[in-house]
Amino acid sequence: MMGKYLEIKMCKSLHQIRKELWQVHEAHIRDEQTGEVHVLQMDTGDFVNSALMDLLNSEFTH
């Protein structure tokens, strides 16, 4: 159900959405109350060769 919602709201397939999300390596999140910016970085070193990465790159869309 969430997948269909994303497809409708973004006018893209789940495959396209997943591909774009994996291109994000850093996110900056600003706390509205304090104005402080938190930087989140993805460490992809060990993850790139994992079995989970193989699954995510598969053409299985269900």
PDB file of N, CA and C in Angstrom:
ATOM      1  N   MET A   1       0.820  -1.182   0.000  1.00  0.00           N
ATOM      2  CA  MET A   1       0.000   0.000   0.000  1.00  0.00           C
ATOM      3  C   MET A   1       0.872   1.257   0.000  1.00  0.00           C
ATOM      4  N   MET A   2       1.938   1.266   0.793  1.00  0.00           N
ATOM      5  CA  MET A   2       2.832   2.418   0.850  1.00  0.00           C
ATOM      6  C   MET A   2       3.518   2.623  -0.495  1.00  0.00           C
ATOM      7  N   GLY A   3       3.838   1.521  -1.165  1.00  0.00           N
ATOM      8  CA  GLY A   3       4.474   1.602  -2.474  1.00  0.00           C
ATOM      9  C   GLY A   3       3.585   2.302  -3.486  1.00  0.00           C
ATOM     10  N   LYS A   4       2.325   1.952  -3.514  1.00  0.00           N
ATOM     11  CA  LYS A   4       1.382   2.598  -4.438  1.00  0.00           C
ATOM     12  C   LYS A   4       1.239   4.081  -4.120  1.00  0.00           C
ATOM     13  N   TYR A   5       1.202   4.415  -2.836  1.00  0.00           N
ATOM     14  CA  TYR A   5       1.109   5.818  -2.420  1.00  0.00           C
ATOM     15  C   TYR A   5       2.296   6.607  -2.970  1.00  0.00           C
ATOM     16  N   LEU A   6       3.511   6.056  -2.814  1.00  0.00           N
ATOM     17  CA  LEU A   6       4.707   6.734  -3.316  1.00  0.00           C
ATOM     18  C   LEU A   6       4.666   6.886  -4.831  1.00  0.00           C
ATOM     19  N   GLU A   7       4.229   5.838  -5.521  1.00  0.00           N
ATOM     20  CA  GLU A   7       4.143   5.907  -6.980  1.00  0.00           C
ATOM     21  C   GLU A   7       3.190   7.018  -7.424  1.00  0.00           C
ATOM     22  N   ILE A   8       2.057   7.123  -6.778  1.00  0.00           N
ATOM     23  CA  ILE A   8       1.058   8.124  -7.142  1.00  0.00           C
ATOM     24  C   ILE A   8       1.546   9.530  -6.804  1.00  0.00           C
ATOM     25  N   LYS A   9       2.073   9.724  -5.601  1.00  0.00           N
ATOM     26  CA  LYS A   9       2.505  11.052  -5.163  1.00  0.00           C
ATOM     27  C   LYS A   9       3.710  11.565  -5.945  1.00  0.00           C
ATOM     28  N   MET A  10       4.631  10.681  -6.324  1.00  0.00           N
ATOM     29  CA  MET A  10       5.858  11.108  -6.993  1.00  0.00           C
ATOM     30  C   MET A  10       5.789  10.936  -8.516  1.00  0.00           C
ATOM     31  N   CYS A  11       4.728  10.299  -8.993  1.00  0.00           N
ATOM     32  CA  CYS A  11       4.562  10.042 -10.433  1.00  0.00           C
ATOM     33  C   CYS A  11       5.770   9.299 -11.003  1.00  0.00           C
ATOM     34  N   LYS A  12       6.274   8.344 -10.230  1.00  0.00           N
ATOM     35  CA  LYS A  12       7.409   7.517 -10.643  1.00  0.00           C
ATOM     36  C   LYS A  12       7.165   6.097 -10.182  1.00  0.00           C
ATOM     37  N   SER A  13       7.860   5.147 -10.821  1.00  0.00           N
ATOM     38  CA  SER A  13       7.751   3.753 -10.394  1.00  0.00           C
ATOM     39  C   SER A  13       8.590   3.546  -9.130  1.00  0.00           C
ATOM     40  N   LEU A  14       8.322   2.459  -8.420  1.00  0.00           N
ATOM     41  CA  LEU A  14       9.106   2.147  -7.225  1.00  0.00           C
ATOM     42  C   LEU A  14      10.572   1.951  -7.575  1.00  0.00           C
ATOM     43  N   HIS A  15      10.836   1.376  -8.720  1.00  0.00           N
ATOM     44  CA  HIS A  15      12.224   1.181  -9.163  1.00  0.00           C
ATOM     45  C   HIS A  15      12.931   2.531  -9.303  1.00  0.00           C
ATOM     46  N   GLN A  16      12.277   3.513  -9.902  1.00  0.00           N
ATOM     47  CA  GLN A  16      12.869   4.843 -10.064  1.00  0.00           C
ATOM     48  C   GLN A  16      13.073   5.525  -8.714  1.00  0.00           C
ATOM     49  N   ILE A  17      12.103   5.391  -7.823  1.00  0.00           N
ATOM     50  CA  ILE A  17      12.194   5.992  -6.491  1.00  0.00           C
ATOM     51  C   ILE A  17      13.360   5.384  -5.726  1.00  0.00           C
ATOM     52  N   ARG A  18      13.461   4.048  -5.748  1.00  0.00           N
ATOM     53  CA  ARG A  18      14.544   3.355  -5.050  1.00  0.00           C
ATOM     54  C   ARG A  18      15.905   3.775  -5.597  1.00  0.00           C
ATOM     55  N   LYS A  19      16.008   3.891  -6.913  1.00  0.00           N
ATOM     56  CA  LYS A  19      17.260   4.284  -7.544  1.00  0.00           C
ATOM     57  C   LYS A  19      17.689   5.692  -7.101  1.00  0.00           C
ATOM     58  N   GLU A  20      16.738   6.617  -7.034  1.00  0.00           N
ATOM     59  CA  GLU A  20      17.046   7.975  -6.605  1.00  0.00           C
ATOM     60  C   GLU A  20      17.432   8.029  -5.122  1.00  0.00           C
ATOM     61  N   LEU A  21      16.741   7.253  -4.292  1.00  0.00           N
ATOM     62  CA  LEU A  21      17.069   7.251  -2.865  1.00  0.00           C
ATOM     63  C   LEU A  21      18.479   6.737  -2.597  1.00  0.00           C
ATOM     64  N   TRP A  22      18.927   5.745  -3.366  1.00  0.00           N
ATOM     65  CA  TRP A  22      20.261   5.197  -3.154  1.00  0.00           C
ATOM     66  C   TRP A  22      21.361   6.153  -3.589  1.00  0.00           C
ATOM     67  N   GLN A  23      20.996   7.220  -4.309  1.00  0.00           N
ATOM     68  CA  GLN A  23      21.978   8.217  -4.703  1.00  0.00           C
ATOM     69  C   GLN A  23      22.238   9.232  -3.597  1.00  0.00           C
ATOM     70  N   VAL A  24      21.390   9.230  -2.578  1.00  0.00           N
ATOM     71  CA  VAL A  24      21.546  10.159  -1.452  1.00  0.00           C
ATOM     72  C   VAL A  24      22.557   9.568  -0.470  1.00  0.00           C
ATOM     73  N   HIS A  25      23.609  10.316  -0.179  1.00  0.00           N
ATOM     74  CA  HIS A  25      24.634   9.841   0.740  1.00  0.00           C
ATOM     75  C   HIS A  25      24.749  10.726   1.979  1.00  0.00           C
ATOM     76  N   GLU A  26      24.080  11.872   1.936  1.00  0.00           N
ATOM     77  CA  GLU A  26      24.165  12.788   3.065  1.00  0.00           C
ATOM     78  C   GLU A  26      22.862  13.568   3.171  1.00  0.00           C
ATOM     79  N   ALA A  27      22.378  13.735   4.400  1.00  0.00           N
ATOM     80  CA  ALA A  27      21.152  14.493   4.632  1.00  0.00           C
ATOM     81  C   ALA A  27      21.409  15.525   5.717  1.00  0.00           C
ATOM     82  N   HIS A  28      20.886  16.719   5.529  1.00  0.00           N
ATOM     83  CA  HIS A  28      20.995  17.784   6.518  1.00  0.00           C
ATOM     84  C   HIS A  28      19.597  18.030   7.080  1.00  0.00           C
ATOM     85  N   ILE A  29      19.451  17.832   8.377  1.00  0.00           N
ATOM     86  CA  ILE A  29      18.149  17.987   9.028  1.00  0.00           C
ATOM     87  C   ILE A  29      18.256  19.123  10.037  1.00  0.00           C
ATOM     88  N   ARG A  30      17.383  20.121   9.886  1.00  0.00           N
ATOM     89  CA  ARG A  30      17.424  21.277  10.781  1.00  0.00           C
ATOM     90  C   ARG A  30      16.336  21.159  11.830  1.00  0.00           C
ATOM     91  N   ASP A  31      16.737  21.324  13.092  1.00  0.00           N
ATOM     92  CA  ASP A  31      15.799  21.306  14.210  1.00  0.00           C
ATOM     93  C   ASP A  31      15.061  22.639  14.222  1.00  0.00           C
ATOM     94  N   GLU A  32      13.748  22.612  14.055  1.00  0.00           N
ATOM     95  CA  GLU A  32      12.939  23.831  13.983  1.00  0.00           C
ATOM     96  C   GLU A  32      13.004  24.643  15.278  1.00  0.00           C
ATOM     97  N   GLN A  33      13.127  23.990  16.419  1.00  0.00           N
ATOM     98  CA  GLN A  33      13.124  24.698  17.697  1.00  0.00           C
ATOM     99  C   GLN A  33      14.457  25.358  18.004  1.00  0.00           C
ATOM    100  N   THR A  34      15.561  24.674  17.731  1.00  0.00           N
ATOM    101  CA  THR A  34      16.874  25.212  18.085  1.00  0.00           C
ATOM    102  C   THR A  34      17.619  25.805  16.896  1.00  0.00           C
ATOM    103  N   GLY A  35      17.217  25.460  15.685  1.00  0.00           N
ATOM    104  CA  GLY A  35      17.914  25.927  14.498  1.00  0.00           C
ATOM    105  C   GLY A  35      19.185  25.140  14.215  1.00  0.00           C
ATOM    106  N   GLU A  36      19.475  24.157  15.052  1.00  0.00           N
ATOM    107  CA  GLU A  36      20.678  23.340  14.885  1.00  0.00           C
ATOM    108  C   GLU A  36      20.516  22.397  13.693  1.00  0.00           C
ATOM    109  N   VAL A  37      21.595  22.245  12.931  1.00  0.00           N
ATOM    110  CA  VAL A  37      21.573  21.379  11.762  1.00  0.00           C
ATOM    111  C   VAL A  37      22.320  20.092  12.089  1.00  0.00           C
ATOM    112  N   HIS A  38      21.677  18.967  11.860  1.00  0.00           N
ATOM    113  CA  HIS A  38      22.273  17.653  12.070  1.00  0.00           C
ATOM    114  C   HIS A  38      22.591  17.061  10.702  1.00  0.00           C
ATOM    115  N   VAL A  39      23.798  16.548  10.539  1.00  0.00           N
ATOM    116  CA  VAL A  39      24.204  15.956   9.276  1.00  0.00           C
ATOM    117  C   VAL A  39      24.257  14.442   9.451  1.00  0.00           C
ATOM    118  N   LEU A  40      23.514  13.739   8.614  1.00  0.00           N
ATOM    119  CA  LEU A  40      23.506  12.283   8.632  1.00  0.00           C
ATOM    120  C   LEU A  40      24.218  11.803   7.376  1.00  0.00           C
ATOM    121  N   GLN A  41      25.209  10.940   7.559  1.00  0.00           N
ATOM    122  CA  GLN A  41      25.953  10.420   6.424  1.00  0.00           C
ATOM    123  C   GLN A  41      25.840   8.911   6.387  1.00  0.00           C
ATOM    124  N   MET A  42      25.715   8.387   5.188  1.00  0.00           N
ATOM    125  CA  MET A  42      25.596   6.948   5.001  1.00  0.00           C
ATOM    126  C   MET A  42      26.979   6.373   4.723  1.00  0.00           C
ATOM    127  N   ASP A  43      27.402   5.414   5.521  1.00  0.00           N
ATOM    128  CA  ASP A  43      28.669   4.735   5.291  1.00  0.00           C
ATOM    129  C   ASP A  43      28.393   3.535   4.400  1.00  0.00           C
ATOM    130  N   THR A  44      28.740   3.648   3.139  1.00  0.00           N
ATOM    131  CA  THR A  44      28.404   2.614   2.173  1.00  0.00           C
ATOM    132  C   THR A  44      29.517   1.593   1.971  1.00  0.00           C
ATOM    133  N   GLY A  45      30.638   1.752   2.630  1.00  0.00           N
ATOM    134  CA  GLY A  45      31.774   0.862   2.423  1.00  0.00           C
ATOM    135  C   GLY A  45      31.455  -0.613   2.557  1.00  0.00           C
ATOM    136  N   ASP A  46      30.935  -1.037   3.692  1.00  0.00           N
ATOM    137  CA  ASP A  46      30.620  -2.446   3.929  1.00  0.00           C
ATOM    138  C   ASP A  46      29.298  -2.846   3.284  1.00  0.00           C
ATOM    139  N   PHE A  47      28.426  -1.892   3.111  1.00  0.00           N
ATOM    140  CA  PHE A  47      27.088  -2.179   2.625  1.00  0.00           C
ATOM    141  C   PHE A  47      27.070  -2.531   1.136  1.00  0.00           C
ATOM    142  N   VAL A  48      27.949  -1.932   0.357  1.00  0.00           N
ATOM    143  CA  VAL A  48      27.936  -2.109  -1.096  1.00  0.00           C
ATOM    144  C   VAL A  48      28.079  -3.569  -1.500  1.00  0.00           C
ATOM    145  N   ASN A  49      28.867  -4.351  -0.786  1.00  0.00           N
ATOM    146  CA  ASN A  49      29.101  -5.742  -1.138  1.00  0.00           C
ATOM    147  C   ASN A  49      28.218  -6.722  -0.376  1.00  0.00           C
ATOM    148  N   SER A  50      27.219  -6.229   0.324  1.00  0.00           N
ATOM    149  CA  SER A  50      26.381  -7.110   1.144  1.00  0.00           C
ATOM    150  C   SER A  50      25.286  -7.792   0.325  1.00  0.00           C
ATOM    151  N   ALA A  51      24.724  -8.840   0.895  1.00  0.00           N
ATOM    152  CA  ALA A  51      23.616  -9.566   0.264  1.00  0.00           C
ATOM    153  C   ALA A  51      22.378  -8.673   0.179  1.00  0.00           C
ATOM    154  N   LEU A  52      22.221  -7.768   1.147  1.00  0.00           N
ATOM    155  CA  LEU A  52      21.078  -6.859   1.133  1.00  0.00           C
ATOM    156  C   LEU A  52      21.141  -5.947  -0.093  1.00  0.00           C
ATOM    157  N   MET A  53      22.318  -5.511  -0.443  1.00  0.00           N
ATOM    158  CA  MET A  53      22.475  -4.656  -1.622  1.00  0.00           C
ATOM    159  C   MET A  53      22.084  -5.416  -2.889  1.00  0.00           C
ATOM    160  N   ASP A  54      22.444  -6.694  -2.970  1.00  0.00           N
ATOM    161  CA  ASP A  54      22.046  -7.512  -4.118  1.00  0.00           C
ATOM    162  C   ASP A  54      20.528  -7.594  -4.223  1.00  0.00           C
ATOM    163  N   LEU A  55      19.876  -7.750  -3.087  1.00  0.00           N
ATOM    164  CA  LEU A  55      18.417  -7.831  -3.063  1.00  0.00           C
ATOM    165  C   LEU A  55      17.795  -6.507  -3.503  1.00  0.00           C
ATOM    166  N   LEU A  56      18.333  -5.404  -3.010  1.00  0.00           N
ATOM    167  CA  LEU A  56      17.788  -4.090  -3.356  1.00  0.00           C
ATOM    168  C   LEU A  56      17.994  -3.754  -4.827  1.00  0.00           C
ATOM    169  N   ASN A  57      19.028  -4.254  -5.425  1.00  0.00           N
ATOM    170  CA  ASN A  57      19.302  -3.986  -6.836  1.00  0.00           C
ATOM    171  C   ASN A  57      18.560  -4.929  -7.773  1.00  0.00           C
ATOM    172  N   SER A  58      17.902  -5.923  -7.230  1.00  0.00           N
ATOM    173  CA  SER A  58      17.189  -6.877  -8.073  1.00  0.00           C
ATOM    174  C   SER A  58      15.999  -6.219  -8.750  1.00  0.00           C
ATOM    175  N   GLU A  59      15.478  -6.858  -9.734  1.00  0.00           N
ATOM    176  CA  GLU A  59      14.327  -6.329 -10.471  1.00  0.00           C
ATOM    177  C   GLU A  59      13.004  -6.717  -9.821  1.00  0.00           C
ATOM    178  N   PHE A  60      13.053  -7.363  -8.666  1.00  0.00           N
ATOM    179  CA  PHE A  60      11.834  -7.759  -7.961  1.00  0.00           C
ATOM    180  C   PHE A  60      11.136  -6.512  -7.435  1.00  0.00           C
ATOM    181  N   THR A  61       9.905  -6.252  -7.855  1.00  0.00           N
ATOM    182  CA  THR A  61       9.213  -5.007  -7.498  1.00  0.00           C
ATOM    183  C   THR A  61       8.024  -5.196  -6.576  1.00  0.00           C
ATOM    184  N   HIS A  62       7.792  -6.388  -6.063  1.00  0.00           N
ATOM    185  CA  HIS A  62       6.617  -6.609  -5.208  1.00  0.00           C
ATOM    186  C   HIS A  62       6.945  -6.368  -3.766  1.00  0.00           C
TER     187      HIS A  62
END
